Each structure stands twice: as C-alpha cells, then as structure tokens.
N, C-alpha and C. Protein backbone atom coordinates (compact mmCIF):
# COMPACT_ATOMS: atom_id res chain seq x y z
N MET A 1 -15.30 -11.36 -22.62
CA MET A 1 -13.83 -10.78 -22.17
C MET A 1 -14.27 -10.44 -20.40
N ALA A 2 -13.51 -10.46 -19.62
CA ALA A 2 -14.05 -10.04 -18.34
C ALA A 2 -13.65 -8.63 -17.95
N LYS A 3 -14.30 -8.14 -17.01
CA LYS A 3 -13.72 -6.62 -17.02
C LYS A 3 -13.34 -6.24 -15.36
N LEU A 4 -12.53 -5.41 -15.14
CA LEU A 4 -12.26 -5.00 -13.56
C LEU A 4 -12.34 -3.33 -13.42
N ASN A 5 -12.71 -2.78 -12.53
CA ASN A 5 -12.43 -1.34 -12.22
C ASN A 5 -11.08 -1.13 -11.35
N VAL A 6 -10.01 -0.91 -12.06
CA VAL A 6 -8.89 -0.80 -11.63
C VAL A 6 -8.13 0.61 -11.59
N ASN A 7 -8.02 1.14 -10.50
CA ASN A 7 -7.39 2.73 -10.74
C ASN A 7 -8.43 3.93 -11.41
N GLY A 8 -9.65 3.62 -11.19
CA GLY A 8 -10.54 4.74 -12.05
C GLY A 8 -10.99 4.15 -13.35
N ALA A 9 -10.56 2.83 -14.05
CA ALA A 9 -10.53 2.66 -15.19
C ALA A 9 -11.00 1.51 -15.50
N VAL A 10 -12.04 0.95 -16.14
CA VAL A 10 -12.88 -0.26 -16.45
C VAL A 10 -11.55 -1.05 -17.61
N ARG A 11 -11.02 -1.99 -17.17
CA ARG A 11 -10.04 -2.80 -17.68
C ARG A 11 -10.34 -4.33 -18.39
N ASP A 12 -10.30 -4.73 -19.37
CA ASP A 12 -10.63 -5.85 -19.74
C ASP A 12 -9.36 -6.76 -19.46
N TYR A 13 -9.32 -8.22 -19.10
CA TYR A 13 -8.67 -8.91 -18.81
C TYR A 13 -9.14 -10.27 -19.40
N GLU A 14 -8.04 -11.23 -19.82
CA GLU A 14 -8.55 -12.55 -19.85
C GLU A 14 -7.55 -13.54 -19.27
N ALA A 15 -8.20 -14.31 -18.12
CA ALA A 15 -7.45 -15.32 -17.07
C ALA A 15 -8.66 -16.21 -16.70
N GLU A 16 -8.21 -17.23 -16.19
CA GLU A 16 -9.07 -18.22 -15.45
C GLU A 16 -9.90 -17.47 -14.15
N GLN A 17 -11.16 -17.79 -14.06
CA GLN A 17 -11.44 -17.34 -12.93
C GLN A 17 -11.13 -17.60 -11.46
N ASP A 18 -10.27 -18.50 -11.34
CA ASP A 18 -9.91 -18.97 -10.00
C ASP A 18 -8.40 -18.16 -10.07
N ALA A 19 -7.86 -17.41 -10.97
CA ALA A 19 -6.44 -17.08 -11.04
C ALA A 19 -6.69 -15.83 -10.03
N PRO A 20 -5.57 -15.80 -9.13
CA PRO A 20 -5.54 -14.47 -7.84
C PRO A 20 -5.69 -13.18 -8.54
N LEU A 21 -6.13 -12.29 -8.04
CA LEU A 21 -6.18 -10.67 -8.45
C LEU A 21 -4.89 -10.50 -8.71
N LEU A 22 -3.91 -10.87 -8.00
CA LEU A 22 -2.62 -10.20 -8.18
C LEU A 22 -1.97 -10.58 -9.09
N TRP A 23 -2.17 -11.64 -9.88
CA TRP A 23 -1.62 -12.27 -11.37
C TRP A 23 -2.26 -11.31 -12.29
N VAL A 24 -3.47 -11.15 -12.05
CA VAL A 24 -4.34 -10.59 -13.12
C VAL A 24 -3.76 -9.14 -13.31
N LEU A 25 -3.47 -8.29 -12.19
CA LEU A 25 -2.93 -7.22 -11.94
C LEU A 25 -1.67 -7.00 -12.60
N ARG A 26 -0.47 -7.89 -12.18
CA ARG A 26 0.68 -7.93 -12.67
C ARG A 26 0.70 -8.29 -14.14
N GLU A 27 -0.01 -9.63 -14.73
CA GLU A 27 0.36 -10.14 -15.68
C GLU A 27 -0.51 -9.77 -16.82
N GLN A 28 -1.63 -9.39 -16.62
CA GLN A 28 -2.56 -9.11 -17.46
C GLN A 28 -2.66 -7.25 -17.80
N LEU A 29 -2.57 -7.02 -16.79
CA LEU A 29 -2.61 -5.40 -16.75
C LEU A 29 -1.49 -4.40 -16.47
N GLY A 30 -0.35 -5.44 -16.48
CA GLY A 30 0.78 -4.45 -16.37
C GLY A 30 1.11 -3.73 -15.05
N LEU A 31 0.19 -4.12 -13.97
CA LEU A 31 0.57 -3.16 -12.75
C LEU A 31 1.27 -4.19 -12.14
N THR A 32 2.89 -3.82 -11.88
CA THR A 32 3.47 -4.49 -11.21
C THR A 32 4.00 -3.77 -9.78
N GLY A 33 3.44 -3.03 -9.43
CA GLY A 33 3.71 -2.42 -8.19
C GLY A 33 3.25 -3.19 -6.97
N THR A 34 2.22 -3.82 -7.20
CA THR A 34 1.82 -4.92 -6.13
C THR A 34 2.60 -6.17 -6.31
N LYS A 35 3.07 -6.67 -5.35
CA LYS A 35 4.24 -7.47 -5.14
C LYS A 35 3.51 -8.81 -4.52
N TYR A 36 4.43 -9.93 -5.23
CA TYR A 36 4.24 -11.38 -4.53
C TYR A 36 5.26 -11.67 -3.69
N GLY A 37 4.66 -11.96 -2.15
CA GLY A 37 5.44 -12.10 -1.15
C GLY A 37 5.54 -13.57 -0.81
N CYS A 38 4.25 -13.75 -0.35
CA CYS A 38 4.29 -15.21 0.24
C CYS A 38 3.14 -16.33 -0.35
N GLY A 39 1.98 -15.67 -0.70
CA GLY A 39 0.98 -16.30 -1.78
C GLY A 39 -0.05 -16.91 -0.71
N VAL A 40 0.20 -16.62 0.59
CA VAL A 40 -0.90 -17.04 1.60
C VAL A 40 -1.66 -15.88 2.64
N ALA A 41 -1.36 -14.61 1.81
CA ALA A 41 -2.01 -13.68 2.47
C ALA A 41 -1.57 -13.37 4.06
N GLU A 42 -0.29 -13.53 4.29
CA GLU A 42 0.28 -13.51 5.64
C GLU A 42 1.20 -12.33 5.61
N CYS A 43 2.02 -11.90 4.06
CA CYS A 43 2.96 -10.84 4.48
C CYS A 43 2.45 -9.38 3.93
N GLY A 44 1.50 -9.53 3.23
CA GLY A 44 0.89 -8.18 2.93
C GLY A 44 1.72 -7.28 1.43
N ALA A 45 2.64 -7.85 1.02
CA ALA A 45 3.17 -7.31 -0.15
C ALA A 45 2.14 -7.33 -1.32
N CYS A 46 1.15 -7.80 -1.42
CA CYS A 46 0.36 -7.84 -2.38
C CYS A 46 -0.91 -6.88 -2.08
N THR A 47 -0.99 -6.09 -1.09
CA THR A 47 -2.11 -5.35 -0.41
C THR A 47 -2.44 -4.52 -1.55
N VAL A 48 -3.83 -4.43 -2.05
CA VAL A 48 -4.31 -3.23 -2.62
C VAL A 48 -5.63 -3.06 -2.08
N LEU A 49 -6.15 -1.63 -2.36
CA LEU A 49 -7.66 -1.26 -1.90
C LEU A 49 -8.81 -1.78 -2.77
N VAL A 50 -9.65 -2.57 -2.25
CA VAL A 50 -10.94 -2.89 -2.95
C VAL A 50 -12.20 -2.22 -1.99
N ASN A 51 -12.85 -0.95 -2.70
CA ASN A 51 -13.57 -0.27 -2.36
C ASN A 51 -13.13 0.40 -0.91
N GLY A 52 -11.93 0.64 -0.90
CA GLY A 52 -11.05 1.45 0.27
C GLY A 52 -10.74 0.43 1.31
N VAL A 53 -10.91 -0.66 1.14
CA VAL A 53 -10.49 -1.79 2.38
C VAL A 53 -9.14 -2.45 1.71
N PRO A 54 -8.37 -2.41 2.76
CA PRO A 54 -7.10 -3.39 2.24
C PRO A 54 -7.48 -4.66 2.10
N THR A 55 -6.75 -5.36 1.09
CA THR A 55 -7.17 -6.65 0.59
C THR A 55 -5.95 -7.28 -0.05
N ARG A 56 -5.89 -8.75 0.81
CA ARG A 56 -4.49 -9.24 0.20
C ARG A 56 -5.08 -9.84 -1.27
N SER A 57 -4.25 -9.38 -2.32
CA SER A 57 -4.80 -9.78 -3.51
C SER A 57 -4.26 -11.12 -4.41
N CYS A 58 -3.26 -11.72 -3.12
CA CYS A 58 -2.28 -13.10 -3.44
C CYS A 58 -3.75 -14.06 -3.52
N VAL A 59 -4.66 -14.15 -2.69
CA VAL A 59 -5.53 -15.21 -2.26
C VAL A 59 -7.17 -14.93 -2.75
N ARG A 60 -7.32 -13.80 -3.38
CA ARG A 60 -8.45 -13.50 -3.97
C ARG A 60 -8.54 -13.76 -5.07
N SER A 61 -9.38 -14.64 -5.55
CA SER A 61 -9.59 -15.18 -6.91
C SER A 61 -10.48 -13.84 -7.54
N VAL A 62 -10.14 -13.57 -9.03
CA VAL A 62 -10.50 -12.63 -9.69
C VAL A 62 -12.02 -12.71 -10.06
N SER A 63 -12.53 -13.55 -9.74
CA SER A 63 -13.88 -14.08 -9.87
C SER A 63 -14.78 -13.38 -8.63
N ALA A 64 -14.13 -13.12 -7.70
CA ALA A 64 -14.76 -12.56 -6.20
C ALA A 64 -15.30 -11.04 -6.60
N PHE A 65 -14.51 -10.21 -7.84
CA PHE A 65 -14.80 -9.03 -8.05
C PHE A 65 -15.71 -8.80 -9.02
N LYS A 66 -16.42 -7.63 -8.92
CA LYS A 66 -17.49 -6.97 -10.06
C LYS A 66 -16.98 -5.96 -10.59
N VAL A 67 -17.33 -5.80 -11.75
CA VAL A 67 -16.91 -4.36 -12.44
C VAL A 67 -17.30 -2.90 -11.33
N THR A 68 -18.25 -3.24 -10.59
CA THR A 68 -18.82 -2.03 -9.71
C THR A 68 -17.72 -1.99 -8.35
N ASP A 69 -16.75 -3.13 -8.18
CA ASP A 69 -15.66 -2.90 -7.36
C ASP A 69 -14.62 -1.98 -7.51
N LYS A 70 -14.27 -1.09 -6.68
CA LYS A 70 -13.30 -0.19 -6.88
C LYS A 70 -11.84 -0.59 -6.53
N ILE A 71 -10.82 -1.01 -7.32
CA ILE A 71 -9.89 -1.61 -6.96
C ILE A 71 -8.85 -0.63 -7.28
N VAL A 72 -7.81 -0.40 -6.06
CA VAL A 72 -6.91 1.00 -6.14
C VAL A 72 -5.62 0.03 -5.90
N THR A 73 -4.53 0.14 -6.81
CA THR A 73 -3.16 -0.28 -6.77
C THR A 73 -2.47 0.73 -6.70
N ILE A 74 -1.06 0.74 -5.72
CA ILE A 74 -0.14 1.50 -5.70
C ILE A 74 0.34 2.46 -6.74
N GLU A 75 0.08 1.91 -8.27
CA GLU A 75 -0.01 3.12 -9.37
C GLU A 75 -1.25 4.03 -9.12
N GLY A 76 -2.35 3.44 -8.98
CA GLY A 76 -3.31 4.41 -8.89
C GLY A 76 -3.46 5.47 -7.80
N LEU A 77 -2.65 5.15 -6.46
CA LEU A 77 -2.85 5.90 -5.41
C LEU A 77 -2.42 7.33 -5.71
N SER A 78 -1.32 7.28 -6.51
CA SER A 78 -0.79 8.88 -7.26
C SER A 78 0.42 8.39 -7.91
N PRO A 79 0.17 8.81 -9.38
CA PRO A 79 0.91 8.44 -10.27
C PRO A 79 2.55 9.47 -10.18
N ASP A 80 2.46 10.32 -9.45
CA ASP A 80 3.81 10.89 -9.70
C ASP A 80 3.98 11.13 -7.59
N GLY A 81 3.60 10.10 -7.12
CA GLY A 81 4.25 10.15 -5.75
C GLY A 81 3.76 11.19 -4.84
N SER A 82 2.77 11.78 -4.80
CA SER A 82 2.35 13.04 -4.36
C SER A 82 1.30 12.89 -3.25
N HIS A 83 0.82 11.46 -3.27
CA HIS A 83 0.13 11.25 -2.09
C HIS A 83 0.56 11.71 -0.64
N PRO A 84 0.04 12.02 0.23
CA PRO A 84 0.52 12.29 1.79
C PRO A 84 1.32 11.06 2.42
N VAL A 85 0.93 9.88 2.22
CA VAL A 85 1.58 8.96 2.89
C VAL A 85 2.75 8.40 1.77
N GLN A 86 2.56 8.75 0.60
CA GLN A 86 3.89 8.39 0.13
C GLN A 86 4.97 9.39 0.23
N LYS A 87 4.41 10.85 0.47
CA LYS A 87 5.70 11.77 0.65
C LYS A 87 5.93 11.46 2.12
N ALA A 88 5.25 11.14 3.05
CA ALA A 88 5.83 10.65 4.39
C ALA A 88 7.09 9.42 4.16
N TRP A 89 6.48 8.85 3.45
CA TRP A 89 7.44 7.45 3.31
C TRP A 89 8.66 8.08 2.88
N ALA A 90 9.11 8.94 1.69
CA ALA A 90 10.04 9.26 1.22
C ALA A 90 10.62 10.37 2.20
N ALA A 91 10.25 11.05 2.62
CA ALA A 91 10.60 12.15 3.90
C ALA A 91 11.10 11.36 5.01
N LEU A 92 10.74 10.50 5.35
CA LEU A 92 11.41 9.65 6.61
C LEU A 92 12.35 8.38 6.20
N ASP A 93 12.67 8.30 4.80
CA ASP A 93 13.32 7.02 4.38
C ASP A 93 12.72 5.83 4.94
N VAL A 94 11.38 5.72 4.85
CA VAL A 94 11.14 4.40 5.20
C VAL A 94 11.20 3.21 4.60
N PRO A 95 11.56 3.11 3.35
CA PRO A 95 11.92 1.91 2.75
C PRO A 95 13.54 1.69 2.84
N GLN A 96 13.90 0.67 3.01
CA GLN A 96 14.92 -0.18 2.65
C GLN A 96 15.20 -0.72 1.66
N CYS A 97 14.72 -1.77 1.40
CA CYS A 97 14.90 -2.67 0.15
C CYS A 97 13.59 -2.37 -0.63
N GLY A 98 12.52 -2.01 -0.04
CA GLY A 98 11.23 -1.36 -0.61
C GLY A 98 10.35 -2.69 -1.16
N PHE A 99 10.94 -3.54 -1.21
CA PHE A 99 9.89 -4.88 -1.70
C PHE A 99 8.36 -4.69 -0.99
N CYS A 100 8.39 -4.61 0.38
CA CYS A 100 6.98 -4.48 1.02
C CYS A 100 6.22 -3.12 0.85
N GLN A 101 7.00 -2.22 0.49
CA GLN A 101 6.50 -1.02 0.62
C GLN A 101 5.12 -0.45 0.06
N SER A 102 5.04 -1.00 -1.09
CA SER A 102 3.77 -0.92 -1.52
C SER A 102 2.35 -1.42 -0.95
N GLY A 103 2.43 -2.42 -0.59
CA GLY A 103 1.59 -3.14 0.31
C GLY A 103 1.32 -2.27 1.75
N MET A 104 2.36 -1.92 2.20
CA MET A 104 2.47 -0.97 3.41
C MET A 104 1.67 0.01 3.31
N ILE A 105 2.29 0.82 2.16
CA ILE A 105 1.69 1.97 1.83
C ILE A 105 0.16 2.07 1.81
N MET A 106 -0.15 0.93 1.19
CA MET A 106 -1.73 0.70 1.12
C MET A 106 -2.39 0.74 2.19
N ALA A 107 -1.92 -0.02 2.91
CA ALA A 107 -2.70 -0.46 4.51
C ALA A 107 -2.52 0.57 5.30
N ALA A 108 -1.51 1.51 5.15
CA ALA A 108 -1.51 2.67 5.74
C ALA A 108 -2.42 3.90 5.45
N VAL A 109 -2.77 3.96 3.82
CA VAL A 109 -3.87 4.63 3.26
C VAL A 109 -5.03 4.37 3.90
N ALA A 110 -5.25 3.04 3.93
CA ALA A 110 -6.93 2.53 4.13
C ALA A 110 -6.89 2.97 6.00
N LEU A 111 -5.86 2.89 6.67
CA LEU A 111 -5.87 2.95 8.10
C LEU A 111 -6.22 4.53 8.27
N LEU A 112 -5.69 5.40 7.54
CA LEU A 112 -5.73 6.84 7.66
C LEU A 112 -7.07 7.29 7.28
N ASN A 113 -7.71 6.59 6.20
CA ASN A 113 -8.97 7.20 5.57
C ASN A 113 -9.96 6.66 6.68
N GLU A 114 -9.59 5.67 7.63
CA GLU A 114 -10.79 5.33 8.32
C GLU A 114 -10.46 6.09 9.81
N LYS A 115 -9.18 6.01 10.18
CA LYS A 115 -9.01 6.78 11.54
C LYS A 115 -7.97 7.76 11.06
N PRO A 116 -8.33 9.10 10.88
CA PRO A 116 -7.55 10.07 10.47
C PRO A 116 -6.45 10.25 11.58
N LYS A 117 -6.66 10.30 12.75
CA LYS A 117 -5.57 10.24 14.08
C LYS A 117 -5.61 8.94 14.81
N PRO A 118 -4.94 7.98 14.05
CA PRO A 118 -4.72 6.56 14.86
C PRO A 118 -4.01 6.69 16.04
N SER A 119 -4.52 6.03 16.92
CA SER A 119 -3.69 5.85 17.99
C SER A 119 -2.32 4.69 17.77
N ASP A 120 -1.47 4.50 18.67
CA ASP A 120 -0.57 3.08 18.47
C ASP A 120 -1.28 1.98 18.32
N ALA A 121 -2.10 1.87 19.15
CA ALA A 121 -3.24 0.62 19.15
C ALA A 121 -3.45 0.12 17.83
N ASP A 122 -4.22 1.37 17.55
CA ASP A 122 -4.93 1.41 16.04
C ASP A 122 -3.87 0.88 14.79
N ILE A 123 -2.82 1.61 14.81
CA ILE A 123 -1.63 1.32 13.96
C ILE A 123 -1.11 -0.28 14.05
N ASP A 124 -1.13 -0.63 15.16
CA ASP A 124 -0.51 -2.09 15.47
C ASP A 124 -1.54 -2.99 14.84
N ALA A 125 -2.89 -2.59 15.11
CA ALA A 125 -4.04 -3.61 14.67
C ALA A 125 -4.02 -3.40 13.04
N ALA A 126 -3.86 -2.39 12.62
CA ALA A 126 -3.95 -2.12 10.93
C ALA A 126 -2.72 -2.84 10.38
N MET A 127 -1.58 -2.30 10.76
CA MET A 127 -0.49 -2.41 9.84
C MET A 127 0.03 -4.00 10.26
N THR A 128 -0.60 -5.24 9.66
CA THR A 128 0.02 -6.24 9.82
C THR A 128 1.03 -6.90 8.61
N ASN A 129 1.18 -5.81 8.25
CA ASN A 129 2.22 -6.35 6.79
C ASN A 129 3.68 -6.66 7.48
N ILE A 130 4.07 -7.47 6.69
CA ILE A 130 5.61 -7.96 7.36
C ILE A 130 6.83 -7.39 6.47
N CYS A 131 7.48 -6.60 7.25
CA CYS A 131 8.84 -6.01 6.53
C CYS A 131 10.25 -6.68 6.85
N ARG A 132 10.61 -7.47 6.08
CA ARG A 132 11.89 -8.03 6.42
C ARG A 132 13.05 -7.32 7.03
N CYS A 133 13.05 -6.03 6.41
CA CYS A 133 14.21 -4.96 6.81
C CYS A 133 13.80 -4.43 8.23
N GLY A 134 12.56 -4.35 8.85
CA GLY A 134 12.23 -3.96 10.19
C GLY A 134 12.16 -2.60 10.23
N THR A 135 11.49 -2.09 9.29
CA THR A 135 11.35 -0.47 9.09
C THR A 135 9.98 -0.29 9.80
N TYR A 136 9.57 -1.17 10.92
CA TYR A 136 8.30 -0.85 11.40
C TYR A 136 8.09 0.61 12.10
N ASN A 137 9.24 0.99 12.78
CA ASN A 137 9.32 2.27 13.62
C ASN A 137 9.23 3.38 12.57
N ARG A 138 9.90 3.40 11.52
CA ARG A 138 9.62 4.41 10.52
C ARG A 138 8.18 4.44 10.11
N VAL A 139 7.56 3.34 9.85
CA VAL A 139 6.27 3.24 9.18
C VAL A 139 5.56 3.86 10.18
N ARG A 140 5.31 3.66 11.58
CA ARG A 140 4.73 4.38 12.53
C ARG A 140 4.99 5.60 12.30
N SER A 141 6.06 6.31 12.40
CA SER A 141 6.37 7.60 12.34
C SER A 141 5.80 8.41 11.12
N ALA A 142 6.23 7.64 9.87
CA ALA A 142 5.35 8.16 8.81
C ALA A 142 3.90 8.15 8.86
N ILE A 143 3.00 7.36 9.39
CA ILE A 143 1.68 7.61 9.54
C ILE A 143 1.51 8.51 10.36
N LYS A 144 2.15 8.83 11.60
CA LYS A 144 1.82 9.89 12.53
C LYS A 144 2.14 11.13 12.12
N VAL A 145 3.24 11.15 11.16
CA VAL A 145 3.44 12.33 10.28
C VAL A 145 2.36 12.96 9.57
N VAL A 146 1.71 11.80 8.83
CA VAL A 146 0.42 12.18 7.97
C VAL A 146 -0.83 12.53 8.80
N ALA A 147 -0.84 11.80 9.94
CA ALA A 147 -1.98 12.30 10.97
C ALA A 147 -1.55 13.73 11.41
N ASP A 148 -0.64 13.90 11.71
CA ASP A 148 -0.34 15.29 12.00
C ASP A 148 -0.36 16.30 11.30
N GLY A 149 -0.56 16.30 9.92
CA GLY A 149 -0.34 17.36 8.90
C GLY A 149 0.54 17.31 7.82
N GLY A 150 1.59 16.48 8.05
CA GLY A 150 2.70 16.18 7.26
C GLY A 150 3.92 16.62 7.19
N ASP A 151 4.16 17.27 8.50
CA ASP A 151 5.50 18.00 8.72
C ASP A 151 6.46 16.65 9.20
N ALA A 152 7.40 16.15 8.28
CA ALA A 152 8.36 15.28 8.58
C ALA A 152 9.43 15.94 9.61
N SER A 153 9.49 17.09 9.30
CA SER A 153 10.84 17.51 10.36
C SER A 153 10.25 17.40 11.69
N ARG A 154 9.24 17.14 12.15
CA ARG A 154 8.68 17.05 13.33
C ARG A 154 8.56 15.35 13.94
N ALA A 155 9.09 14.74 13.13
CA ALA A 155 9.05 13.18 13.41
C ALA A 155 9.93 13.09 14.61
N GLY A 156 11.17 13.66 14.53
CA GLY A 156 12.00 13.43 15.66
C GLY A 156 12.44 12.13 15.78
N ILE A 157 12.73 11.26 14.49
CA ILE A 157 13.37 10.05 14.75
C ILE A 157 15.01 9.88 14.26
N GLY A 158 15.30 11.12 14.22
CA GLY A 158 16.94 11.37 14.02
C GLY A 158 17.60 10.70 12.79
N ILE A 159 16.96 10.84 11.60
CA ILE A 159 17.07 10.33 10.19
C ILE A 159 18.57 11.55 9.60
N GLU A 160 19.68 11.03 9.54
CA GLU A 160 20.56 12.11 9.06
C GLU A 160 20.27 11.62 7.59
N HIS A 161 20.10 12.75 6.83
CA HIS A 161 19.89 12.65 5.53
C HIS A 161 21.05 12.86 4.64
N ALA A 162 21.44 12.55 3.57
CA ALA A 162 22.68 12.72 2.56
C ALA A 162 22.68 14.03 2.17
N ASP A 163 21.65 14.81 2.42
CA ASP A 163 21.83 16.48 2.12
C ASP A 163 21.93 17.11 3.31
N GLY A 164 22.08 16.38 4.39
CA GLY A 164 22.30 17.16 5.64
C GLY A 164 21.24 17.54 6.72
N ARG A 165 20.21 17.22 6.15
CA ARG A 165 18.91 17.41 6.72
C ARG A 165 18.55 16.09 8.00
N THR A 166 17.94 16.58 9.01
CA THR A 166 17.70 15.55 10.08
C THR A 166 16.28 15.59 10.19
N THR A 167 15.61 14.62 10.02
CA THR A 167 14.30 14.44 10.50
C THR A 167 13.96 13.60 11.64
C-alpha cells in the first residue's frame, strides 16, 4: 500500500500511480475541502501546500510525492478555523459562493509564509487563483489584514455585517 504524509499524518491509500493527488485526497482520504475546478491547473481550487509551496493538485500525479513530502490541505491548516488567514477571510466576508476559497486560502498562506508583508505586486503575482464571484478586492484586503497583525476593523473596505459591524 502506498503512503502520503498529509496534514501531519502518514496515510495509506490505494490508487493508480498516475491518479491526480486531488482525487486521492478527496476519494481515498476523505479530505473534500480541496476542490476540483478545471482539471488543468488554471483555476487554483485544488491548491494544497507541498513542503510549503502552493501546488495545484489536479495535475500532479500521486506518484510524484514521497512520504517525506509534507502535504497540507485546508483541513490541516486549522481544524477549527483559527489560522490568521481563515480568521481574516471570515472577518471580511471574503467568500461568496466559497467554492474557490480553500485554494485561495492555501495560496495566501504560502504567500504570507514567504513574504509576511507582501506588496500589491507580490499579492498579484502569488494569487493567481480564479474566483468566479470576483472577490479579489476582499482577498487582497484579507491578506493585508493578516500582514498588518490581524485587525480587520482597519481594513476599511466598508462591509456592513448583519450584526451591525462595519469593516
């Protein structure tokens, strides 16, 4: 039986070696937070971190990974949503339909790990995921909130929340 290191645990799986990592994560390991969007590595819905690097899992065959490679999915980022990027996403109501958001969050985490204070150009270069709802301004704001210490009230994008707050 083949093995992958996913979310800090070595997991067994049975799949053809040319199967995309995405399908092993979803179907064999039950980690359905990583989404299938396009199947050609363009949209980014399938983004996971492999050794800290954002990786489009829909086009990488599972045989490309060794048990020493550390794969992190959205489920492994924070089981309770307490990662600073997840908290900023929630505070700024970034997701609309939410389909692309796990991939967006993983790409943002990788960016902030590499560049804790990214410029707009850094964000543009790193955030190549596609959001059909067009939440790009909120994505940028959430990344800047995390880079600035996590205070969403300073984002200044004028979101009126149901509870009366404005961020």
